[in-house]
Amino acid sequence: PEALLPALQALEAEAGRQRPYPNAPRTLDLDIIAMGNMVRDVPDPILP
């Protein structure tokens, strides 16, 4: 997850993603929903 999240964020940036405020409209949003049965409580990313 530590490598996947920045890779997804790079794809978002390539698509012109801006984050002006929470839940703002966006050109692309990529979220990791789950990685197997992994459970992570630490942010970036929290899984599931």
All heavy atoms as atom14 arrays in JSON, in Angstrom:
{
  "sequence": "PEALLPALQALEAEAGRQRPYPNAPRTLDLDIIAMGNMVRDVPDPILP",
  "atom14_mask": [
    [1, 1, 1, 1, 1, 1, 1, 0, 0, 0, 0, 0, 0, 0],
    [1, 1, 1, 1, 1, 1, 1, 1, 1, 0, 0, 0, 0, 0],
    [1, 1, 1, 1, 1, 0, 0, 0, 0, 0, 0, 0, 0, 0],
    [1, 1, 1, 1, 1, 1, 1, 1, 0, 0, 0, 0, 0, 0],
    [1, 1, 1, 1, 1, 1, 1, 1, 0, 0, 0, 0, 0, 0],
    [1, 1, 1, 1, 1, 1, 1, 0, 0, 0, 0, 0, 0, 0],
    [1, 1, 1, 1, 1, 0, 0, 0, 0, 0, 0, 0, 0, 0],
    [1, 1, 1, 1, 1, 1, 1, 1, 0, 0, 0, 0, 0, 0],
    [1, 1, 1, 1, 1, 1, 1, 1, 1, 0, 0, 0, 0, 0],
    [1, 1, 1, 1, 1, 0, 0, 0, 0, 0, 0, 0, 0, 0],
    [1, 1, 1, 1, 1, 1, 1, 1, 0, 0, 0, 0, 0, 0],
    [1, 1, 1, 1, 1, 1, 1, 1, 1, 0, 0, 0, 0, 0],
    [1, 1, 1, 1, 1, 0, 0, 0, 0, 0, 0, 0, 0, 0],
    [1, 1, 1, 1, 1, 1, 1, 1, 1, 0, 0, 0, 0, 0],
    [1, 1, 1, 1, 1, 0, 0, 0, 0, 0, 0, 0, 0, 0],
    [1, 1, 1, 1, 0, 0, 0, 0, 0, 0, 0, 0, 0, 0],
    [1, 1, 1, 1, 1, 1, 1, 1, 1, 1, 1, 0, 0, 0],
    [1, 1, 1, 1, 1, 1, 1, 1, 1, 0, 0, 0, 0, 0],
    [1, 1, 1, 1, 1, 1, 1, 1, 1, 1, 1, 0, 0, 0],
    [1, 1, 1, 1, 1, 1, 1, 0, 0, 0, 0, 0, 0, 0],
    [1, 1, 1, 1, 1, 1, 1, 1, 1, 1, 1, 1, 0, 0],
    [1, 1, 1, 1, 1, 1, 1, 0, 0, 0, 0, 0, 0, 0],
    [1, 1, 1, 1, 1, 1, 1, 1, 0, 0, 0, 0, 0, 0],
    [1, 1, 1, 1, 1, 0, 0, 0, 0, 0, 0, 0, 0, 0],
    [1, 1, 1, 1, 1, 1, 1, 0, 0, 0, 0, 0, 0, 0],
    [1, 1, 1, 1, 1, 1, 1, 1, 1, 1, 1, 0, 0, 0],
    [1, 1, 1, 1, 1, 1, 1, 0, 0, 0, 0, 0, 0, 0],
    [1, 1, 1, 1, 1, 1, 1, 1, 0, 0, 0, 0, 0, 0],
    [1, 1, 1, 1, 1, 1, 1, 1, 0, 0, 0, 0, 0, 0],
    [1, 1, 1, 1, 1, 1, 1, 1, 0, 0, 0, 0, 0, 0],
    [1, 1, 1, 1, 1, 1, 1, 1, 0, 0, 0, 0, 0, 0],
    [1, 1, 1, 1, 1, 1, 1, 1, 0, 0, 0, 0, 0, 0],
    [1, 1, 1, 1, 1, 1, 1, 1, 0, 0, 0, 0, 0, 0],
    [1, 1, 1, 1, 1, 0, 0, 0, 0, 0, 0, 0, 0, 0],
    [1, 1, 1, 1, 1, 1, 1, 1, 0, 0, 0, 0, 0, 0],
    [1, 1, 1, 1, 0, 0, 0, 0, 0, 0, 0, 0, 0, 0],
    [1, 1, 1, 1, 1, 1, 1, 1, 0, 0, 0, 0, 0, 0],
    [1, 1, 1, 1, 1, 1, 1, 1, 0, 0, 0, 0, 0, 0],
    [1, 1, 1, 1, 1, 1, 1, 0, 0, 0, 0, 0, 0, 0],
    [1, 1, 1, 1, 1, 1, 1, 1, 1, 1, 1, 0, 0, 0],
    [1, 1, 1, 1, 1, 1, 1, 1, 0, 0, 0, 0, 0, 0],
    [1, 1, 1, 1, 1, 1, 1, 0, 0, 0, 0, 0, 0, 0],
    [1, 1, 1, 1, 1, 1, 1, 0, 0, 0, 0, 0, 0, 0],
    [1, 1, 1, 1, 1, 1, 1, 1, 0, 0, 0, 0, 0, 0],
    [1, 1, 1, 1, 1, 1, 1, 0, 0, 0, 0, 0, 0, 0],
    [1, 1, 1, 1, 1, 1, 1, 1, 0, 0, 0, 0, 0, 0],
    [1, 1, 1, 1, 1, 1, 1, 1, 0, 0, 0, 0, 0, 0],
    [1, 1, 1, 1, 1, 1, 1, 0, 0, 0, 0, 0, 0, 0]
  ],
  "atom14_positions": [
    [[0.81, -1.22, 0.0], [0.0, 0.0, 0.0], [0.84, 1.27, 0.0], [0.43, 2.28, -0.58], [-0.84, -0.12, 1.27], [-0.16, -1.12, 2.12], [0.58, -2.03, 1.2], [0.0, 0.0, 0.0], [0.0, 0.0, 0.0], [0.0, 0.0, 0.0], [0.0, 0.0, 0.0], [0.0, 0.0, 0.0], [0.0, 0.0, 0.0], [0.0, 0.0, 0.0]],
    [[2.03, 1.21, 0.6], [2.89, 2.41, 0.64], [3.4, 2.78, -0.74], [3.73, 3.94, -0.99], [4.08, 2.2, 1.58], [3.69, 1.9, 3.01], [3.42, 0.4, 3.27], [3.47, -0.41, 2.31], [3.15, 0.06, 4.43], [0.0, 0.0, 0.0], [0.0, 0.0, 0.0], [0.0, 0.0, 0.0], [0.0, 0.0, 0.0], [0.0, 0.0, 0.0]],
    [[3.5, 1.81, -1.65], [3.92, 2.09, -3.03], [2.72, 2.32, -3.95], [2.78, 3.13, -4.87], [4.76, 0.92, -3.57], [0.0, 0.0, 0.0], [0.0, 0.0, 0.0], [0.0, 0.0, 0.0], [0.0, 0.0, 0.0], [0.0, 0.0, 0.0], [0.0, 0.0, 0.0], [0.0, 0.0, 0.0], [0.0, 0.0, 0.0], [0.0, 0.0, 0.0]],
    [[1.62, 1.63, -3.68], [0.45, 1.75, -4.55], [-0.2, 3.13, -4.42], [-0.56, 3.74, -5.44], [-0.56, 0.65, -4.24], [-1.84, 0.65, -5.09], [-1.52, 0.61, -6.58], [-2.74, -0.52, -4.69], [0.0, 0.0, 0.0], [0.0, 0.0, 0.0], [0.0, 0.0, 0.0], [0.0, 0.0, 0.0], [0.0, 0.0, 0.0], [0.0, 0.0, 0.0]],
    [[-0.36, 3.64, -3.22], [-1.03, 4.92, -3.04], [-0.36, 6.04, -3.83], [-1.03, 6.75, -4.59], [-1.16, 5.28, -1.56], [-1.9, 6.6, -1.28], [-3.34, 6.54, -1.77], [-1.84, 6.93, 0.19], [0.0, 0.0, 0.0], [0.0, 0.0, 0.0], [0.0, 0.0, 0.0], [0.0, 0.0, 0.0], [0.0, 0.0, 0.0], [0.0, 0.0, 0.0]],
    [[0.96, 6.25, -3.71], [1.55, 7.34, -4.5], [1.48, 7.09, -6.02], [1.39, 8.05, -6.79], [3.0, 7.42, -4.01], [3.24, 6.21, -3.19], [1.92, 5.66, -2.79], [0.0, 0.0, 0.0], [0.0, 0.0, 0.0], [0.0, 0.0, 0.0], [0.0, 0.0, 0.0], [0.0, 0.0, 0.0], [0.0, 0.0, 0.0], [0.0, 0.0, 0.0]],
    [[1.49, 5.83, -6.43], [1.34, 5.54, -7.86], [-0.05, 5.96, -8.35], [-0.19, 6.53, -9.44], [1.59, 4.06, -8.13], [0.0, 0.0, 0.0], [0.0, 0.0, 0.0], [0.0, 0.0, 0.0], [0.0, 0.0, 0.0], [0.0, 0.0, 0.0], [0.0, 0.0, 0.0], [0.0, 0.0, 0.0], [0.0, 0.0, 0.0], [0.0, 0.0, 0.0]],
    [[-1.07, 5.7, -7.53], [-2.43, 6.12, -7.89], [-2.54, 7.64, -7.88], [-3.17, 8.23, -8.77], [-3.45, 5.5, -6.94], [-3.56, 3.98, -6.96], [-4.58, 3.51, -5.94], [-3.89, 3.45, -8.34], [0.0, 0.0, 0.0], [0.0, 0.0, 0.0], [0.0, 0.0, 0.0], [0.0, 0.0, 0.0], [0.0, 0.0, 0.0], [0.0, 0.0, 0.0]],
    [[-1.93, 8.27, -6.9], [-1.97, 9.73, -6.83], [-1.26, 10.37, -8.02], [-1.66, 11.43, -8.49], [-1.4, 10.21, -5.5], [-2.31, 9.86, -4.34], [-1.68, 10.13, -2.98], [-0.46, 10.18, -2.83], [-2.53, 10.29, -1.97], [0.0, 0.0, 0.0], [0.0, 0.0, 0.0], [0.0, 0.0, 0.0], [0.0, 0.0, 0.0], [0.0, 0.0, 0.0]],
    [[-0.23, 9.72, -8.52], [0.46, 10.22, -9.71], [-0.46, 10.16, -10.93], [-0.47, 11.09, -11.75], [1.75, 9.43, -9.97], [0.0, 0.0, 0.0], [0.0, 0.0, 0.0], [0.0, 0.0, 0.0], [0.0, 0.0, 0.0], [0.0, 0.0, 0.0], [0.0, 0.0, 0.0], [0.0, 0.0, 0.0], [0.0, 0.0, 0.0], [0.0, 0.0, 0.0]],
    [[-1.23, 9.08, -11.05], [-2.2, 8.99, -12.15], [-3.26, 10.07, -12.02], [-3.68, 10.67, -13.02], [-2.86, 7.6, -12.19], [-1.96, 6.43, -12.56], [-2.74, 5.12, -12.47], [-1.36, 6.61, -13.95], [0.0, 0.0, 0.0], [0.0, 0.0, 0.0], [0.0, 0.0, 0.0], [0.0, 0.0, 0.0], [0.0, 0.0, 0.0], [0.0, 0.0, 0.0]],
    [[-3.72, 10.33, -10.8], [-4.69, 11.4, -10.58], [-4.1, 12.75, -11.01], [-4.77, 13.54, -11.67], [-5.09, 11.48, -9.1], [-5.92, 10.33, -8.62], [-6.19, 10.38, -7.12], [-5.44, 11.05, -6.38], [-7.18, 9.75, -6.7], [0.0, 0.0, 0.0], [0.0, 0.0, 0.0], [0.0, 0.0, 0.0], [0.0, 0.0, 0.0], [0.0, 0.0, 0.0]],
    [[-2.86, 13.0, -10.63], [-2.21, 14.27, -10.97], [-2.08, 14.42, -12.49], [-2.3, 15.51, -13.03], [-0.84, 14.36, -10.3], [0.0, 0.0, 0.0], [0.0, 0.0, 0.0], [0.0, 0.0, 0.0], [0.0, 0.0, 0.0], [0.0, 0.0, 0.0], [0.0, 0.0, 0.0], [0.0, 0.0, 0.0], [0.0, 0.0, 0.0], [0.0, 0.0, 0.0]],
    [[-1.74, 13.32, -13.17], [-1.63, 13.36, -14.63], [-2.97, 13.73, -15.27], [-3.0, 14.34, -16.34], [-1.17, 12.01, -15.17], [0.28, 11.71, -14.92], [0.66, 10.3, -15.35], [0.02, 9.75, -16.28], [1.6, 9.74, -14.75], [0.0, 0.0, 0.0], [0.0, 0.0, 0.0], [0.0, 0.0, 0.0], [0.0, 0.0, 0.0], [0.0, 0.0, 0.0]],
    [[-4.07, 13.35, -14.61], [-5.4, 13.67, -15.12], [-5.87, 15.06, -14.69], [-7.0, 15.44, -14.98], [-6.4, 12.61, -14.65], [0.0, 0.0, 0.0], [0.0, 0.0, 0.0], [0.0, 0.0, 0.0], [0.0, 0.0, 0.0], [0.0, 0.0, 0.0], [0.0, 0.0, 0.0], [0.0, 0.0, 0.0], [0.0, 0.0, 0.0], [0.0, 0.0, 0.0]],
    [[-5.02, 15.79, -13.97], [-5.36, 17.15, -13.58], [-6.12, 17.27, -12.27], [-6.77, 18.28, -12.02], [0.0, 0.0, 0.0], [0.0, 0.0, 0.0], [0.0, 0.0, 0.0], [0.0, 0.0, 0.0], [0.0, 0.0, 0.0], [0.0, 0.0, 0.0], [0.0, 0.0, 0.0], [0.0, 0.0, 0.0], [0.0, 0.0, 0.0], [0.0, 0.0, 0.0]],
    [[-6.03, 16.27, -11.42], [-6.76, 16.27, -10.15], [-6.33, 17.45, -9.27], [-5.15, 17.69, -9.07], [-6.5, 14.96, -9.4], [-7.0, 14.9, -7.96], [-8.47, 14.58, -7.87], [-8.99, 14.69, -6.52], [-9.23, 13.67, -5.71], [-9.0, 12.44, -6.12], [-9.74, 13.86, -4.51], [0.0, 0.0, 0.0], [0.0, 0.0, 0.0], [0.0, 0.0, 0.0]],
    [[-7.33, 18.18, -8.78], [-7.12, 19.27, -7.83], [-7.87, 18.9, -6.55], [-8.88, 18.19, -6.6], [-7.69, 20.58, -8.37], [-7.1, 21.0, -9.71], [-5.68, 21.5, -9.57], [-5.36, 22.26, -8.66], [-4.81, 21.08, -10.48], [0.0, 0.0, 0.0], [0.0, 0.0, 0.0], [0.0, 0.0, 0.0], [0.0, 0.0, 0.0], [0.0, 0.0, 0.0]],
    [[-7.43, 19.39, -5.41], [-8.09, 19.12, -4.13], [-8.4, 20.45, -3.42], [-7.84, 20.73, -2.36], [-7.2, 18.22, -3.26], [-7.1, 16.8, -3.78], [-6.14, 15.97, -2.91], [-6.28, 14.57, -3.14], [-5.72, 13.9, -4.13], [-4.97, 14.52, -5.01], [-5.89, 12.6, -4.25], [0.0, 0.0, 0.0], [0.0, 0.0, 0.0], [0.0, 0.0, 0.0]],
    [[-9.31, 21.25, -3.97], [-9.57, 22.55, -3.35], [-10.32, 22.48, -2.02], [-10.17, 23.35, -1.18], [-10.4, 23.3, -4.4], [-11.05, 22.21, -5.19], [-10.07, 21.07, -5.19], [0.0, 0.0, 0.0], [0.0, 0.0, 0.0], [0.0, 0.0, 0.0], [0.0, 0.0, 0.0], [0.0, 0.0, 0.0], [0.0, 0.0, 0.0], [0.0, 0.0, 0.0]],
    [[-11.14, 21.45, -1.83], [-11.89, 21.25, -0.58], [-12.38, 19.82, -0.55], [-12.41, 19.14, -1.59], [-13.05, 22.26, -0.46], [-14.04, 22.22, -1.61], [-15.16, 21.38, -1.58], [-13.87, 23.04, -2.72], [-16.06, 21.36, -2.64], [-14.78, 23.02, -3.77], [-15.87, 22.18, -3.72], [-16.76, 22.15, -4.76], [0.0, 0.0, 0.0], [0.0, 0.0, 0.0]],
    [[-12.75, 19.3, 0.63], [-13.21, 17.9, 0.72], [-14.42, 17.65, -0.18], [-15.33, 18.47, -0.27], [-13.58, 17.74, 2.2], [-12.77, 18.77, 2.9], [-12.68, 19.93, 1.95], [0.0, 0.0, 0.0], [0.0, 0.0, 0.0], [0.0, 0.0, 0.0], [0.0, 0.0, 0.0], [0.0, 0.0, 0.0], [0.0, 0.0, 0.0], [0.0, 0.0, 0.0]],
    [[-14.39, 16.5, -0.84], [-15.48, 16.06, -1.72], [-15.69, 16.98, -2.92], [-16.78, 17.02, -3.49], [-16.79, 15.87, -0.95], [-16.66, 14.82, 0.12], [-16.14, 13.74, -0.13], [-17.1, 15.14, 1.32], [0.0, 0.0, 0.0], [0.0, 0.0, 0.0], [0.0, 0.0, 0.0], [0.0, 0.0, 0.0], [0.0, 0.0, 0.0], [0.0, 0.0, 0.0]],
    [[-14.67, 17.74, -3.29], [-14.78, 18.61, -4.46], [-14.92, 17.78, -5.73], [-14.44, 16.64, -5.79], [-13.53, 19.49, -4.57], [0.0, 0.0, 0.0], [0.0, 0.0, 0.0], [0.0, 0.0, 0.0], [0.0, 0.0, 0.0], [0.0, 0.0, 0.0], [0.0, 0.0, 0.0], [0.0, 0.0, 0.0], [0.0, 0.0, 0.0], [0.0, 0.0, 0.0]],
    [[-15.59, 18.33, -6.75], [-15.6, 17.63, -8.04], [-14.16, 17.35, -8.48], [-13.24, 18.07, -8.11], [-16.28, 18.65, -8.97], [-17.1, 19.5, -8.06], [-16.31, 19.59, -6.78], [0.0, 0.0, 0.0], [0.0, 0.0, 0.0], [0.0, 0.0, 0.0], [0.0, 0.0, 0.0], [0.0, 0.0, 0.0], [0.0, 0.0, 0.0], [0.0, 0.0, 0.0]],
    [[-14.0, 16.29, -9.27], [-12.63, 15.89, -9.62], [-12.54, 15.28, -11.01], [-13.48, 14.69, -11.5], [-12.07, 14.93, -8.59], [-12.93, 13.71, -8.39], [-12.76, 13.08, -7.06], [-13.3, 13.93, -6.03], [-13.7, 13.54, -4.85], [-13.62, 12.29, -4.51], [-14.19, 14.37, -3.98], [0.0, 0.0, 0.0], [0.0, 0.0, 0.0], [0.0, 0.0, 0.0]],
    [[-11.35, 15.45, -11.59], [-11.08, 14.89, -12.9], [-10.81, 13.4, -12.82], [-11.05, 12.67, -13.78], [-9.87, 15.57, -13.55], [-8.74, 15.44, -12.67], [-10.14, 17.04, -13.82], [0.0, 0.0, 0.0], [0.0, 0.0, 0.0], [0.0, 0.0, 0.0], [0.0, 0.0, 0.0], [0.0, 0.0, 0.0], [0.0, 0.0, 0.0], [0.0, 0.0, 0.0]],
    [[-10.3, 12.93, -11.67], [-10.05, 11.5, -11.46], [-9.87, 11.24, -9.98], [-9.19, 12.01, -9.29], [-8.79, 11.04, -12.21], [-8.45, 9.55, -12.11], [-9.57, 8.66, -12.69], [-7.13, 9.24, -12.8], [0.0, 0.0, 0.0], [0.0, 0.0, 0.0], [0.0, 0.0, 0.0], [0.0, 0.0, 0.0], [0.0, 0.0, 0.0], [0.0, 0.0, 0.0]],
    [[-10.49, 10.19, -9.52], [-10.35, 9.76, -8.13], [-10.07, 8.26, -8.14], [-10.84, 7.49, -8.71], [-11.64, 10.05, -7.36], [-11.53, 9.78, -5.88], [-10.41, 9.86, -5.33], [-12.57, 9.5, -5.25], [0.0, 0.0, 0.0], [0.0, 0.0, 0.0], [0.0, 0.0, 0.0], [0.0, 0.0, 0.0], [0.0, 0.0, 0.0], [0.0, 0.0, 0.0]],
    [[-8.96, 7.87, -7.55], [-8.56, 6.46, -7.45], [-8.4, 6.13, -5.98], [-7.57, 6.73, -5.3], [-7.25, 6.21, -8.2], [-7.28, 6.52, -9.7], [-5.87, 6.43, -10.28], [-8.23, 5.6, -10.44], [0.0, 0.0, 0.0], [0.0, 0.0, 0.0], [0.0, 0.0, 0.0], [0.0, 0.0, 0.0], [0.0, 0.0, 0.0], [0.0, 0.0, 0.0]],
    [[-9.2, 5.18, -5.49], [-9.15, 4.79, -4.09], [-8.86, 3.31, -3.96], [-9.49, 2.49, -4.64], [-10.5, 5.06, -3.39], [-10.75, 6.53, -3.15], [-9.79, 7.28, -2.93], [-11.94, 6.93, -3.18], [0.0, 0.0, 0.0], [0.0, 0.0, 0.0], [0.0, 0.0, 0.0], [0.0, 0.0, 0.0], [0.0, 0.0, 0.0], [0.0, 0.0, 0.0]],
    [[-7.94, 2.97, -3.07], [-7.71, 1.56, -2.74], [-8.84, 1.16, -1.8], [-8.98, 1.7, -0.71], [-6.35, 1.35, -2.05], [-5.2, 1.91, -2.88], [-6.14, -0.14, -1.75], [-3.87, 1.97, -2.15], [0.0, 0.0, 0.0], [0.0, 0.0, 0.0], [0.0, 0.0, 0.0], [0.0, 0.0, 0.0], [0.0, 0.0, 0.0], [0.0, 0.0, 0.0]],
    [[-9.64, 0.21, -2.24], [-10.76, -0.27, -1.42], [-10.27, -1.38, -0.49], [-10.6, -1.39, 0.7], [-11.92, -0.77, -2.3], [-12.41, 0.36, -3.22], [-13.05, -1.34, -1.45], [-12.83, 1.63, -2.5], [0.0, 0.0, 0.0], [0.0, 0.0, 0.0], [0.0, 0.0, 0.0], [0.0, 0.0, 0.0], [0.0, 0.0, 0.0], [0.0, 0.0, 0.0]],
    [[-9.51, -2.3, -1.02], [-8.99, -3.4, -0.2], [-7.78, -4.0, -0.89], [-7.65, -3.95, -2.1], [-10.06, -4.46, 0.02], [0.0, 0.0, 0.0], [0.0, 0.0, 0.0], [0.0, 0.0, 0.0], [0.0, 0.0, 0.0], [0.0, 0.0, 0.0], [0.0, 0.0, 0.0], [0.0, 0.0, 0.0], [0.0, 0.0, 0.0], [0.0, 0.0, 0.0]],
    [[-6.91, -4.58, -0.05], [-5.76, -5.34, -0.53], [-5.79, -6.67, 0.21], [-5.27, -6.76, 1.33], [-4.46, -4.57, -0.3], [-4.38, -3.27, -1.07], [-2.8, -2.41, -0.91], [-1.78, -3.39, -2.02], [0.0, 0.0, 0.0], [0.0, 0.0, 0.0], [0.0, 0.0, 0.0], [0.0, 0.0, 0.0], [0.0, 0.0, 0.0], [0.0, 0.0, 0.0]],
    [[-6.43, -7.66, -0.4], [-6.59, -8.94, 0.26], [-7.33, -8.75, 1.57], [-8.3, -8.01, 1.66], [0.0, 0.0, 0.0], [0.0, 0.0, 0.0], [0.0, 0.0, 0.0], [0.0, 0.0, 0.0], [0.0, 0.0, 0.0], [0.0, 0.0, 0.0], [0.0, 0.0, 0.0], [0.0, 0.0, 0.0], [0.0, 0.0, 0.0], [0.0, 0.0, 0.0]],
    [[-6.85, -9.4, 2.62], [-7.45, -9.29, 3.94], [-6.7, -8.3, 4.83], [-6.87, -8.3, 6.04], [-7.5, -10.66, 4.62], [-8.51, -11.55, 3.95], [-9.58, -11.09, 3.56], [-8.18, -12.82, 3.82], [0.0, 0.0, 0.0], [0.0, 0.0, 0.0], [0.0, 0.0, 0.0], [0.0, 0.0, 0.0], [0.0, 0.0, 0.0], [0.0, 0.0, 0.0]],
    [[-5.86, -7.46, 4.22], [-5.05, -6.52, 4.99], [-5.94, -5.53, 5.73], [-6.9, -4.98, 5.17], [-4.1, -5.76, 4.06], [-3.16, -4.82, 4.8], [-2.09, -3.88, 3.68], [-1.14, -5.19, 2.91], [0.0, 0.0, 0.0], [0.0, 0.0, 0.0], [0.0, 0.0, 0.0], [0.0, 0.0, 0.0], [0.0, 0.0, 0.0], [0.0, 0.0, 0.0]],
    [[-5.59, -5.31, 6.99], [-6.25, -4.31, 7.81], [-5.17, -3.36, 8.3], [-4.2, -3.79, 8.91], [-7.0, -4.95, 9.0], [-7.6, -3.88, 9.9], [-8.07, -5.91, 8.5], [0.0, 0.0, 0.0], [0.0, 0.0, 0.0], [0.0, 0.0, 0.0], [0.0, 0.0, 0.0], [0.0, 0.0, 0.0], [0.0, 0.0, 0.0], [0.0, 0.0, 0.0]],
    [[-5.34, -2.08, 7.99], [-4.39, -1.02, 8.38], [-5.18, 0.12, 8.99], [-6.08, 0.65, 8.34], [-3.66, -0.47, 7.15], [-2.45, -1.21, 6.73], [-1.89, -0.59, 5.43], [-1.63, 0.83, 5.51], [-0.41, 1.38, 5.5], [0.65, 0.61, 5.4], [-0.26, 2.68, 5.56], [0.0, 0.0, 0.0], [0.0, 0.0, 0.0], [0.0, 0.0, 0.0]],
    [[-4.82, 0.49, 10.2], [-5.48, 1.62, 10.84], [-4.7, 2.92, 10.67], [-5.22, 3.99, 10.96], [-5.67, 1.35, 12.34], [-6.68, 0.24, 12.58], [-7.61, 0.09, 11.77], [-6.54, -0.47, 13.58], [0.0, 0.0, 0.0], [0.0, 0.0, 0.0], [0.0, 0.0, 0.0], [0.0, 0.0, 0.0], [0.0, 0.0, 0.0], [0.0, 0.0, 0.0]],
    [[-3.47, 2.8, 10.19], [-2.66, 4.01, 9.98], [-3.09, 4.65, 8.66], [-3.47, 3.96, 7.72], [-1.16, 3.69, 9.98], [-0.71, 3.2, 11.34], [-0.8, 2.68, 8.91], [0.0, 0.0, 0.0], [0.0, 0.0, 0.0], [0.0, 0.0, 0.0], [0.0, 0.0, 0.0], [0.0, 0.0, 0.0], [0.0, 0.0, 0.0], [0.0, 0.0, 0.0]],
    [[-3.03, 5.97, 8.59], [-3.45, 6.63, 7.35], [-2.47, 6.43, 6.21], [-1.33, 6.03, 6.41], [-3.55, 8.1, 7.75], [-2.73, 8.24, 8.97], [-2.69, 6.9, 9.64], [0.0, 0.0, 0.0], [0.0, 0.0, 0.0], [0.0, 0.0, 0.0], [0.0, 0.0, 0.0], [0.0, 0.0, 0.0], [0.0, 0.0, 0.0], [0.0, 0.0, 0.0]],
    [[-2.98, 6.73, 5.07], [-2.21, 6.74, 3.82], [-1.64, 5.39, 3.43], [-0.43, 5.25, 3.34], [-1.14, 7.82, 3.86], [-1.75, 9.2, 4.02], [-2.88, 9.41, 3.55], [-1.09, 10.06, 4.62], [0.0, 0.0, 0.0], [0.0, 0.0, 0.0], [0.0, 0.0, 0.0], [0.0, 0.0, 0.0], [0.0, 0.0, 0.0], [0.0, 0.0, 0.0]],
    [[-2.49, 4.43, 3.13], [-3.95, 4.41, 3.23], [-4.44, 3.57, 4.42], [-3.75, 2.67, 4.87], [-4.36, 3.73, 1.94], [-3.26, 2.73, 1.7], [-2.0, 3.39, 2.22], [0.0, 0.0, 0.0], [0.0, 0.0, 0.0], [0.0, 0.0, 0.0], [0.0, 0.0, 0.0], [0.0, 0.0, 0.0], [0.0, 0.0, 0.0], [0.0, 0.0, 0.0]],
    [[-5.65, 3.88, 4.86], [-6.36, 3.02, 5.81], [-7.0, 1.91, 4.98], [-7.61, 2.18, 3.93], [-7.43, 3.82, 6.58], [-6.76, 4.86, 7.47], [-8.31, 2.89, 7.4], [-7.71, 5.85, 8.11], [0.0, 0.0, 0.0], [0.0, 0.0, 0.0], [0.0, 0.0, 0.0], [0.0, 0.0, 0.0], [0.0, 0.0, 0.0], [0.0, 0.0, 0.0]],
    [[-6.85, 0.67, 5.41], [-7.42, -0.47, 4.67], [-8.2, -1.37, 5.6], [-7.75, -1.61, 6.72], [-6.31, -1.26, 3.99], [-5.58, -0.53, 2.87], [-4.4, -1.35, 2.39], [-6.51, -0.22, 1.72], [0.0, 0.0, 0.0], [0.0, 0.0, 0.0], [0.0, 0.0, 0.0], [0.0, 0.0, 0.0], [0.0, 0.0, 0.0], [0.0, 0.0, 0.0]],
    [[-9.32, -1.9, 5.13], [-10.0, -1.53, 3.89], [-10.47, -0.08, 3.96], [-10.48, 0.53, 5.03], [-11.18, -2.48, 3.82], [-11.44, -2.88, 5.23], [-10.11, -2.86, 5.92], [0.0, 0.0, 0.0], [0.0, 0.0, 0.0], [0.0, 0.0, 0.0], [0.0, 0.0, 0.0], [0.0, 0.0, 0.0], [0.0, 0.0, 0.0], [0.0, 0.0, 0.0]]
  ]
}
